[in-house]
Amino acid sequence: MRAFICVAALAISATAVEAQSTTQQAAKRTSSEAALLDEKARVRECMKQWDRSTHMTKREWENTCRRVAAERIKYLREQGYGTERKKPTTRSKSSQM
């Protein structure tokens, strides 16, 4: 009986640790996706790369940075970032015939 109680306690604690780990992973994924979708941060990083020797004025460079950031974010959203990802649906064998 004592062995059963020990095994049950270990199983319960392992389940709790796994659930906590899954929750932490989901939170990290959500925060990293939010960072990917931060258009202002992307534009700021892009603007740091401009210097006087480029073939564009600072205004042209900024417009390009904004356009590229917007397009990148649009692409990421189309790929499912920033939204809850849906699991692929599987067809049953009868519907495949």
PDB file of N, CA and C in Angstrom:
ATOM      1  N   MET A   1       0.825  -1.183   0.000  1.00  0.00           N
ATOM      2  CA  MET A   1       0.000   0.000   0.000  1.00  0.00           C
ATOM      3  C   MET A   1       0.874   1.253   0.000  1.00  0.00           C
ATOM      4  N   ARG A   2       1.932   1.205   0.784  1.00  0.00           N
ATOM      5  CA  ARG A   2       2.834   2.355   0.877  1.00  0.00           C
ATOM      6  C   ARG A   2       3.473   2.662  -0.490  1.00  0.00           C
ATOM      7  N   ALA A   3       3.846   1.618  -1.220  1.00  0.00           N
ATOM      8  CA  ALA A   3       4.447   1.797  -2.542  1.00  0.00           C
ATOM      9  C   ALA A   3       3.449   2.445  -3.496  1.00  0.00           C
ATOM     10  N   PHE A   4       2.194   2.037  -3.413  1.00  0.00           N
ATOM     11  CA  PHE A   4       1.154   2.609  -4.258  1.00  0.00           C
ATOM     12  C   PHE A   4       0.997   4.106  -3.995  1.00  0.00           C
ATOM     13  N   ILE A   5       1.010   4.504  -2.747  1.00  0.00           N
ATOM     14  CA  ILE A   5       0.874   5.911  -2.376  1.00  0.00           C
ATOM     15  C   ILE A   5       2.057   6.710  -2.905  1.00  0.00           C
ATOM     16  N   CYS A   6       3.250   6.155  -2.793  1.00  0.00           N
ATOM     17  CA  CYS A   6       4.446   6.848  -3.305  1.00  0.00           C
ATOM     18  C   CYS A   6       4.377   7.021  -4.816  1.00  0.00           C
ATOM     19  N   VAL A   7       3.980   5.982  -5.514  1.00  0.00           N
ATOM     20  CA  VAL A   7       3.869   6.057  -6.979  1.00  0.00           C
ATOM     21  C   VAL A   7       2.798   7.067  -7.378  1.00  0.00           C
ATOM     22  N   ALA A   8       1.668   7.044  -6.685  1.00  0.00           N
ATOM     23  CA  ALA A   8       0.588   7.989  -6.987  1.00  0.00           C
ATOM     24  C   ALA A   8       1.048   9.428  -6.752  1.00  0.00           C
ATOM     25  N   ALA A   9       1.773   9.658  -5.666  1.00  0.00           N
ATOM     26  CA  ALA A   9       2.265  11.004  -5.359  1.00  0.00           C
ATOM     27  C   ALA A   9       3.245  11.472  -6.430  1.00  0.00           C
ATOM     28  N   LEU A  10       4.122  10.588  -6.878  1.00  0.00           N
ATOM     29  CA  LEU A  10       5.066  10.947  -7.934  1.00  0.00           C
ATOM     30  C   LEU A  10       4.343  11.259  -9.246  1.00  0.00           C
ATOM     31  N   ALA A  11       3.339  10.484  -9.571  1.00  0.00           N
ATOM     32  CA  ALA A  11       2.580  10.703 -10.805  1.00  0.00           C
ATOM     33  C   ALA A  11       1.857  12.048 -10.770  1.00  0.00           C
ATOM     34  N   ILE A  12       1.278  12.375  -9.633  1.00  0.00           N
ATOM     35  CA  ILE A  12       0.571  13.653  -9.497  1.00  0.00           C
ATOM     36  C   ILE A  12       1.546  14.818  -9.601  1.00  0.00           C
ATOM     37  N   SER A  13       2.686  14.724  -8.952  1.00  0.00           N
ATOM     38  CA  SER A  13       3.659  15.820  -9.005  1.00  0.00           C
ATOM     39  C   SER A  13       4.235  15.959 -10.410  1.00  0.00           C
ATOM     40  N   ALA A  14       4.451  14.852 -11.110  1.00  0.00           N
ATOM     41  CA  ALA A  14       4.967  14.922 -12.480  1.00  0.00           C
ATOM     42  C   ALA A  14       3.961  15.598 -13.398  1.00  0.00           C
ATOM     43  N   THR A  15       2.686  15.307 -13.197  1.00  0.00           N
ATOM     44  CA  THR A  15       1.642  15.943 -14.003  1.00  0.00           C
ATOM     45  C   THR A  15       1.602  17.438 -13.744  1.00  0.00           C
ATOM     46  N   ALA A  16       1.737  17.845 -12.499  1.00  0.00           N
ATOM     47  CA  ALA A  16       1.730  19.267 -12.157  1.00  0.00           C
ATOM     48  C   ALA A  16       2.917  19.984 -12.779  1.00  0.00           C
ATOM     49  N   VAL A  17       4.083  19.370 -12.749  1.00  0.00           N
ATOM     50  CA  VAL A  17       5.276  19.973 -13.337  1.00  0.00           C
ATOM     51  C   VAL A  17       5.107  20.094 -14.848  1.00  0.00           C
ATOM     52  N   GLU A  18       4.559  19.070 -15.478  1.00  0.00           N
ATOM     53  CA  GLU A  18       4.343  19.097 -16.929  1.00  0.00           C
ATOM     54  C   GLU A  18       3.352  20.193 -17.300  1.00  0.00           C
ATOM     55  N   ALA A  19       2.286  20.345 -16.541  1.00  0.00           N
ATOM     56  CA  ALA A  19       1.298  21.383 -16.818  1.00  0.00           C
ATOM     57  C   ALA A  19       1.912  22.768 -16.669  1.00  0.00           C
ATOM     58  N   GLN A  20       2.739  22.957 -15.640  1.00  0.00           N
ATOM     59  CA  GLN A  20       3.392  24.242 -15.432  1.00  0.00           C
ATOM     60  C   GLN A  20       4.355  24.524 -16.578  1.00  0.00           C
ATOM     61  N   SER A  21       5.090  23.517 -17.005  1.00  0.00           N
ATOM     62  CA  SER A  21       6.042  23.672 -18.098  1.00  0.00           C
ATOM     63  C   SER A  21       5.326  24.061 -19.383  1.00  0.00           C
ATOM     64  N   THR A  22       4.198  23.428 -19.668  1.00  0.00           N
ATOM     65  CA  THR A  22       3.412  23.739 -20.857  1.00  0.00           C
ATOM     66  C   THR A  22       2.902  25.169 -20.805  1.00  0.00           C
ATOM     67  N   THR A  23       2.449  25.599 -19.650  1.00  0.00           N
ATOM     68  CA  THR A  23       1.961  26.973 -19.486  1.00  0.00           C
ATOM     69  C   THR A  23       3.088  27.968 -19.713  1.00  0.00           C
ATOM     70  N   GLN A  24       4.264  27.697 -19.172  1.00  0.00           N
ATOM     71  CA  GLN A  24       5.402  28.591 -19.355  1.00  0.00           C
ATOM     72  C   GLN A  24       5.817  28.649 -20.816  1.00  0.00           C
ATOM     73  N   GLN A  25       5.806  27.522 -21.502  1.00  0.00           N
ATOM     74  CA  GLN A  25       6.166  27.507 -22.921  1.00  0.00           C
ATOM     75  C   GLN A  25       5.175  28.320 -23.733  1.00  0.00           C
ATOM     76  N   ALA A  26       3.894  28.209 -23.417  1.00  0.00           N
ATOM     77  CA  ALA A  26       2.874  28.978 -24.136  1.00  0.00           C
ATOM     78  C   ALA A  26       3.069  30.472 -23.906  1.00  0.00           C
ATOM     79  N   ALA A  27       3.404  30.855 -22.678  1.00  0.00           N
ATOM     80  CA  ALA A  27       3.636  32.270 -22.377  1.00  0.00           C
ATOM     81  C   ALA A  27       4.855  32.793 -23.124  1.00  0.00           C
ATOM     82  N   LYS A  28       5.927  32.005 -23.173  1.00  0.00           N
ATOM     83  CA  LYS A  28       7.120  32.424 -23.913  1.00  0.00           C
ATOM     84  C   LYS A  28       6.824  32.561 -25.395  1.00  0.00           C
ATOM     85  N   ARG A  29       6.070  31.602 -25.940  1.00  0.00           N
ATOM     86  CA  ARG A  29       5.734  31.648 -27.362  1.00  0.00           C
ATOM     87  C   ARG A  29       4.888  32.886 -27.662  1.00  0.00           C
ATOM     88  N   THR A  30       3.932  33.197 -26.792  1.00  0.00           N
ATOM     89  CA  THR A  30       3.083  34.358 -26.998  1.00  0.00           C
ATOM     90  C   THR A  30       3.899  35.640 -26.954  1.00  0.00           C
ATOM     91  N   SER A  31       4.837  35.753 -26.002  1.00  0.00           N
ATOM     92  CA  SER A  31       5.638  36.970 -25.909  1.00  0.00           C
ATOM     93  C   SER A  31       6.601  37.087 -27.081  1.00  0.00           C
ATOM     94  N   SER A  32       7.165  35.977 -27.549  1.00  0.00           N
ATOM     95  CA  SER A  32       8.073  36.056 -28.692  1.00  0.00           C
ATOM     96  C   SER A  32       7.311  36.389 -29.964  1.00  0.00           C
ATOM     97  N   GLU A  33       6.089  35.881 -30.103  1.00  0.00           N
ATOM     98  CA  GLU A  33       5.273  36.231 -31.260  1.00  0.00           C
ATOM     99  C   GLU A  33       4.889  37.699 -31.223  1.00  0.00           C
ATOM    100  N   ALA A  34       4.602  38.206 -30.036  1.00  0.00           N
ATOM    101  CA  ALA A  34       4.273  39.628 -29.918  1.00  0.00           C
ATOM    102  C   ALA A  34       5.465  40.480 -30.320  1.00  0.00           C
ATOM    103  N   ALA A  35       6.667  40.052 -29.944  1.00  0.00           N
ATOM    104  CA  ALA A  35       7.871  40.789 -30.331  1.00  0.00           C
ATOM    105  C   ALA A  35       8.055  40.770 -31.844  1.00  0.00           C
ATOM    106  N   LEU A  36       7.764  39.644 -32.472  1.00  0.00           N
ATOM    107  CA  LEU A  36       7.866  39.558 -33.933  1.00  0.00           C
ATOM    108  C   LEU A  36       6.904  40.523 -34.612  1.00  0.00           C
ATOM    109  N   LEU A  37       5.757  40.740 -33.993  1.00  0.00           N
ATOM    110  CA  LEU A  37       4.721  41.558 -34.601  1.00  0.00           C
ATOM    111  C   LEU A  37       4.791  43.026 -34.184  1.00  0.00           C
ATOM    112  N   ASP A  38       5.858  43.439 -33.516  1.00  0.00           N
ATOM    113  CA  ASP A  38       5.994  44.825 -33.072  1.00  0.00           C
ATOM    114  C   ASP A  38       6.581  45.661 -34.213  1.00  0.00           C
ATOM    115  N   GLU A  39       5.697  46.294 -34.964  1.00  0.00           N
ATOM    116  CA  GLU A  39       6.118  47.057 -36.150  1.00  0.00           C
ATOM    117  C   GLU A  39       7.016  48.231 -35.779  1.00  0.00           C
ATOM    118  N   LYS A  40       6.692  48.936 -34.710  1.00  0.00           N
ATOM    119  CA  LYS A  40       7.500  50.095 -34.313  1.00  0.00           C
ATOM    120  C   LYS A  40       8.934  49.684 -33.984  1.00  0.00           C
ATOM    121  N   ALA A  41       9.085  48.557 -33.300  1.00  0.00           N
ATOM    122  CA  ALA A  41      10.428  48.077 -32.952  1.00  0.00           C
ATOM    123  C   ALA A  41      11.204  47.714 -34.213  1.00  0.00           C
ATOM    124  N   ARG A  42      10.534  47.116 -35.180  1.00  0.00           N
ATOM    125  CA  ARG A  42      11.196  46.764 -36.439  1.00  0.00           C
ATOM    126  C   ARG A  42      11.657  48.015 -37.182  1.00  0.00           C
ATOM    127  N   VAL A  43      10.830  49.033 -37.198  1.00  0.00           N
ATOM    128  CA  VAL A  43      11.193  50.284 -37.884  1.00  0.00           C
ATOM    129  C   VAL A  43      12.375  50.942 -37.163  1.00  0.00           C
ATOM    130  N   ARG A  44      12.348  50.948 -35.829  1.00  0.00           N
ATOM    131  CA  ARG A  44      13.459  51.538 -35.067  1.00  0.00           C
ATOM    132  C   ARG A  44      14.778  50.834 -35.389  1.00  0.00           C
ATOM    133  N   GLU A  45      14.746  49.505 -35.416  1.00  0.00           N
ATOM    134  CA  GLU A  45      15.964  48.741 -35.733  1.00  0.00           C
ATOM    135  C   GLU A  45      16.446  49.048 -37.142  1.00  0.00           C
ATOM    136  N   CYS A  46      15.543  49.139 -38.067  1.00  0.00           N
ATOM    137  CA  CYS A  46      15.898  49.440 -39.451  1.00  0.00           C
ATOM    138  C   CYS A  46      16.514  50.839 -39.554  1.00  0.00           C
ATOM    139  N   MET A  47      15.945  51.794 -38.844  1.00  0.00           N
ATOM    140  CA  MET A  47      16.442  53.176 -38.899  1.00  0.00           C
ATOM    141  C   MET A  47      17.858  53.290 -38.335  1.00  0.00           C
ATOM    142  N   LYS A  48      18.229  52.408 -37.431  1.00  0.00           N
ATOM    143  CA  LYS A  48      19.591  52.429 -36.882  1.00  0.00           C
ATOM    144  C   LYS A  48      20.632  52.114 -37.945  1.00  0.00           C
ATOM    145  N   GLN A  49      20.216  51.466 -39.024  1.00  0.00           N
ATOM    146  CA  GLN A  49      21.151  51.077 -40.067  1.00  0.00           C
ATOM    147  C   GLN A  49      21.398  52.178 -41.102  1.00  0.00           C
ATOM    148  N   TRP A  50      20.615  53.237 -41.080  1.00  0.00           N
ATOM    149  CA  TRP A  50      20.784  54.312 -42.048  1.00  0.00           C
ATOM    150  C   TRP A  50      22.021  55.144 -41.708  1.00  0.00           C
ATOM    151  N   ASP A  51      22.746  55.558 -42.734  1.00  0.00           N
ATOM    152  CA  ASP A  51      23.795  56.569 -42.552  1.00  0.00           C
ATOM    153  C   ASP A  51      23.845  57.443 -43.805  1.00  0.00           C
ATOM    154  N   ARG A  52      24.611  58.505 -43.729  1.00  0.00           N
ATOM    155  CA  ARG A  52      24.631  59.489 -44.810  1.00  0.00           C
ATOM    156  C   ARG A  52      25.157  58.935 -46.128  1.00  0.00           C
ATOM    157  N   SER A  53      25.929  57.870 -46.081  1.00  0.00           N
ATOM    158  CA  SER A  53      26.525  57.351 -47.308  1.00  0.00           C
ATOM    159  C   SER A  53      25.587  56.430 -48.100  1.00  0.00           C
ATOM    160  N   THR A  54      24.369  56.190 -47.578  1.00  0.00           N
ATOM    161  CA  THR A  54      23.429  55.357 -48.330  1.00  0.00           C
ATOM    162  C   THR A  54      22.908  56.135 -49.532  1.00  0.00           C
ATOM    163  N   HIS A  55      22.323  55.457 -50.471  1.00  0.00           N
ATOM    164  CA  HIS A  55      21.797  56.087 -51.674  1.00  0.00           C
ATOM    165  C   HIS A  55      20.410  56.681 -51.457  1.00  0.00           C
ATOM    166  N   MET A  56      19.916  56.672 -50.228  1.00  0.00           N
ATOM    167  CA  MET A  56      18.587  57.192 -49.905  1.00  0.00           C
ATOM    168  C   MET A  56      18.692  58.296 -48.866  1.00  0.00           C
ATOM    169  N   THR A  57      17.736  59.208 -48.924  1.00  0.00           N
ATOM    170  CA  THR A  57      17.637  60.194 -47.848  1.00  0.00           C
ATOM    171  C   THR A  57      17.079  59.479 -46.617  1.00  0.00           C
ATOM    172  N   LYS A  58      17.165  60.146 -45.484  1.00  0.00           N
ATOM    173  CA  LYS A  58      16.650  59.539 -44.258  1.00  0.00           C
ATOM    174  C   LYS A  58      15.144  59.318 -44.366  1.00  0.00           C
ATOM    175  N   ARG A  59      14.455  60.240 -44.986  1.00  0.00           N
ATOM    176  CA  ARG A  59      12.998  60.126 -45.161  1.00  0.00           C
ATOM    177  C   ARG A  59      12.657  58.923 -46.062  1.00  0.00           C
ATOM    178  N   GLU A  60      13.393  58.748 -47.151  1.00  0.00           N
ATOM    179  CA  GLU A  60      13.168  57.614 -48.055  1.00  0.00           C
ATOM    180  C   GLU A  60      13.457  56.293 -47.324  1.00  0.00           C
ATOM    181  N   TRP A  61      14.522  56.301 -46.550  1.00  0.00           N
ATOM    182  CA  TRP A  61      14.894  55.105 -45.793  1.00  0.00           C
ATOM    183  C   TRP A  61      13.790  54.736 -44.801  1.00  0.00           C
ATOM    184  N   GLU A  62      13.268  55.748 -44.116  1.00  0.00           N
ATOM    185  CA  GLU A  62      12.202  55.508 -43.140  1.00  0.00           C
ATOM    186  C   GLU A  62      10.956  54.952 -43.818  1.00  0.00           C
ATOM    187  N   ASN A  63      10.585  55.515 -44.968  1.00  0.00           N
ATOM    188  CA  ASN A  63       9.420  55.006 -45.698  1.00  0.00           C
ATOM    189  C   ASN A  63       9.623  53.545 -46.098  1.00  0.00           C
ATOM    190  N   THR A  64      10.834  53.230 -46.540  1.00  0.00           N
ATOM    191  CA  THR A  64      11.142  51.848 -46.912  1.00  0.00           C
ATOM    192  C   THR A  64      11.081  50.933 -45.689  1.00  0.00           C
ATOM    193  N   CYS A  65      11.630  51.390 -44.575  1.00  0.00           N
ATOM    194  CA  CYS A  65      11.587  50.595 -43.334  1.00  0.00           C
ATOM    195  C   CYS A  65      10.141  50.309 -42.935  1.00  0.00           C
ATOM    196  N   ARG A  66       9.299  51.321 -43.003  1.00  0.00           N
ATOM    197  CA  ARG A  66       7.887  51.144 -42.637  1.00  0.00           C
ATOM    198  C   ARG A  66       7.190  50.156 -43.576  1.00  0.00           C
ATOM    199  N   ARG A  67       7.458  50.268 -44.866  1.00  0.00           N
ATOM    200  CA  ARG A  67       6.832  49.374 -45.832  1.00  0.00           C
ATOM    201  C   ARG A  67       7.277  47.923 -45.618  1.00  0.00           C
ATOM    202  N   VAL A  68       8.581  47.739 -45.437  1.00  0.00           N
ATOM    203  CA  VAL A  68       9.114  46.382 -45.236  1.00  0.00           C
ATOM    204  C   VAL A  68       8.586  45.783 -43.931  1.00  0.00           C
ATOM    205  N   ALA A  69       8.540  46.566 -42.870  1.00  0.00           N
ATOM    206  CA  ALA A  69       8.035  46.075 -41.581  1.00  0.00           C
ATOM    207  C   ALA A  69       6.562  45.677 -41.701  1.00  0.00           C
ATOM    208  N   ALA A  70       5.778  46.511 -42.380  1.00  0.00           N
ATOM    209  CA  ALA A  70       4.351  46.204 -42.540  1.00  0.00           C
ATOM    210  C   ALA A  70       4.159  44.928 -43.353  1.00  0.00           C
ATOM    211  N   GLU A  71       4.928  44.771 -44.421  1.00  0.00           N
ATOM    212  CA  GLU A  71       4.823  43.570 -45.251  1.00  0.00           C
ATOM    213  C   GLU A  71       5.257  42.325 -44.480  1.00  0.00           C
ATOM    214  N   ARG A  72       6.310  42.458 -43.686  1.00  0.00           N
ATOM    215  CA  ARG A  72       6.801  41.323 -42.903  1.00  0.00           C
ATOM    216  C   ARG A  72       5.753  40.884 -41.884  1.00  0.00           C
ATOM    217  N   ILE A  73       5.145  41.847 -41.218  1.00  0.00           N
ATOM    218  CA  ILE A  73       4.135  41.531 -40.217  1.00  0.00           C
ATOM    219  C   ILE A  73       2.903  40.916 -40.877  1.00  0.00           C
ATOM    220  N   LYS A  74       2.537  41.430 -42.039  1.00  0.00           N
ATOM    221  CA  LYS A  74       1.419  40.847 -42.784  1.00  0.00           C
ATOM    222  C   LYS A  74       1.721  39.381 -43.102  1.00  0.00           C
ATOM    223  N   TYR A  75       2.924  39.102 -43.556  1.00  0.00           N
ATOM    224  CA  TYR A  75       3.334  37.731 -43.865  1.00  0.00           C
ATOM    225  C   TYR A  75       3.286  36.848 -42.615  1.00  0.00           C
ATOM    226  N   LEU A  76       3.823  37.342 -41.501  1.00  0.00           N
ATOM    227  CA  LEU A  76       3.826  36.554 -40.270  1.00  0.00           C
ATOM    228  C   LEU A  76       2.410  36.229 -39.816  1.00  0.00           C
ATOM    229  N   ARG A  77       1.511  37.193 -39.927  1.00  0.00           N
ATOM    230  CA  ARG A  77       0.116  36.940 -39.531  1.00  0.00           C
ATOM    231  C   ARG A  77      -0.523  35.907 -40.444  1.00  0.00           C
ATOM    232  N   GLU A  78      -0.215  35.962 -41.739  1.00  0.00           N
ATOM    233  CA  GLU A  78      -0.738  34.960 -42.666  1.00  0.00           C
ATOM    234  C   GLU A  78      -0.223  33.566 -42.306  1.00  0.00           C
ATOM    235  N   GLN A  79       0.972  33.508 -41.728  1.00  0.00           N
ATOM    236  CA  GLN A  79       1.561  32.228 -41.332  1.00  0.00           C
ATOM    237  C   GLN A  79       1.050  31.748 -39.974  1.00  0.00           C
ATOM    238  N   GLY A  80       0.244  32.564 -39.295  1.00  0.00           N
ATOM    239  CA  GLY A  80      -0.363  32.136 -38.042  1.00  0.00           C
ATOM    240  C   GLY A  80       0.250  32.719 -36.793  1.00  0.00           C
ATOM    241  N   TYR A  81       1.255  33.582 -36.917  1.00  0.00           N
ATOM    242  CA  TYR A  81       1.828  34.202 -35.717  1.00  0.00           C
ATOM    243  C   TYR A  81       0.886  35.278 -35.206  1.00  0.00           C
ATOM    244  N   GLY A  82       0.797  35.367 -33.886  1.00  0.00           N
ATOM    245  CA  GLY A  82      -0.040  36.391 -33.272  1.00  0.00           C
ATOM    246  C   GLY A  82      -1.487  35.964 -33.123  1.00  0.00           C
ATOM    247  N   THR A  83      -1.810  34.785 -33.610  1.00  0.00           N
ATOM    248  CA  THR A  83      -3.147  34.244 -33.437  1.00  0.00           C
ATOM    249  C   THR A  83      -2.992  32.842 -32.896  1.00  0.00           C
ATOM    250  N   GLU A  84      -4.016  32.343 -32.311  1.00  0.00           N
ATOM    251  CA  GLU A  84      -3.960  30.973 -31.809  1.00  0.00           C
ATOM    252  C   GLU A  84      -3.889  30.043 -33.010  1.00  0.00           C
ATOM    253  N   ARG A  85      -2.878  29.233 -33.040  1.00  0.00           N
ATOM    254  CA  ARG A  85      -2.699  28.328 -34.165  1.00  0.00           C
ATOM    255  C   ARG A  85      -3.699  27.188 -34.098  1.00  0.00           C
ATOM    256  N   LYS A  86      -4.261  26.885 -35.242  1.00  0.00           N
ATOM    257  CA  LYS A  86      -5.226  25.795 -35.311  1.00  0.00           C
ATOM    258  C   LYS A  86      -4.502  24.497 -35.620  1.00  0.00           C
ATOM    259  N   LYS A  87      -4.943  23.449 -34.995  1.00  0.00           N
ATOM    260  CA  LYS A  87      -4.380  22.140 -35.290  1.00  0.00           C
ATOM    261  C   LYS A  87      -4.942  21.677 -36.618  1.00  0.00           C
ATOM    262  N   PRO A  88      -4.103  21.031 -37.425  1.00  0.00           N
ATOM    263  CA  PRO A  88      -4.618  20.547 -38.700  1.00  0.00           C
ATOM    264  C   PRO A  88      -5.689  19.485 -38.472  1.00  0.00           C
ATOM    265  N   THR A  89      -6.717  19.563 -39.274  1.00  0.00           N
ATOM    266  CA  THR A  89      -7.778  18.582 -39.137  1.00  0.00           C
ATOM    267  C   THR A  89      -7.411  17.340 -39.917  1.00  0.00           C
ATOM    268  N   THR A  90      -7.730  16.221 -39.367  1.00  0.00           N
ATOM    269  CA  THR A  90      -7.436  14.959 -40.044  1.00  0.00           C
ATOM    270  C   THR A  90      -8.747  14.392 -40.553  1.00  0.00           C
ATOM    271  N   ARG A  91      -8.679  13.874 -41.743  1.00  0.00           N
ATOM    272  CA  ARG A  91      -9.877  13.280 -42.323  1.00  0.00           C
ATOM    273  C   ARG A  91     -10.005  11.826 -41.891  1.00  0.00           C
ATOM    274  N   SER A  92     -11.229  11.388 -41.795  1.00  0.00           N
ATOM    275  CA  SER A  92     -11.426   9.973 -41.499  1.00  0.00           C
ATOM    276  C   SER A  92     -11.282   9.176 -42.791  1.00  0.00           C
ATOM    277  N   LYS A  93     -11.054   7.902 -42.678  1.00  0.00           N
ATOM    278  CA  LYS A  93     -10.845   7.070 -43.847  1.00  0.00           C
ATOM    279  C   LYS A  93     -12.060   7.054 -44.753  1.00  0.00           C
ATOM    280  N   SER A  94     -13.257   7.136 -44.214  1.00  0.00           N
ATOM    281  CA  SER A  94     -14.458   7.086 -45.035  1.00  0.00           C
ATOM    282  C   SER A  94     -14.601   8.329 -45.905  1.00  0.00           C
ATOM    283  N   SER A  95     -14.119   9.479 -45.451  1.00  0.00           N
ATOM    284  CA  SER A  95     -14.218  10.695 -46.253  1.00  0.00           C
ATOM    285  C   SER A  95     -13.136  10.799 -47.306  1.00  0.00           C
ATOM    286  N   GLN A  96     -12.098   9.969 -47.214  1.00  0.00           N
ATOM    287  CA  GLN A  96     -11.023   9.990 -48.189  1.00  0.00           C
ATOM    288  C   GLN A  96     -11.365   9.165 -49.417  1.00  0.00           C
ATOM    289  N   MET A  97     -12.359   8.334 -49.340  1.00  0.00           N
ATOM    290  CA  MET A  97     -12.697   7.459 -50.460  1.00  0.00           C
ATOM    291  C   MET A  97     -13.473   8.146 -51.520  1.00  0.00           C
TER     292      MET A  97
END
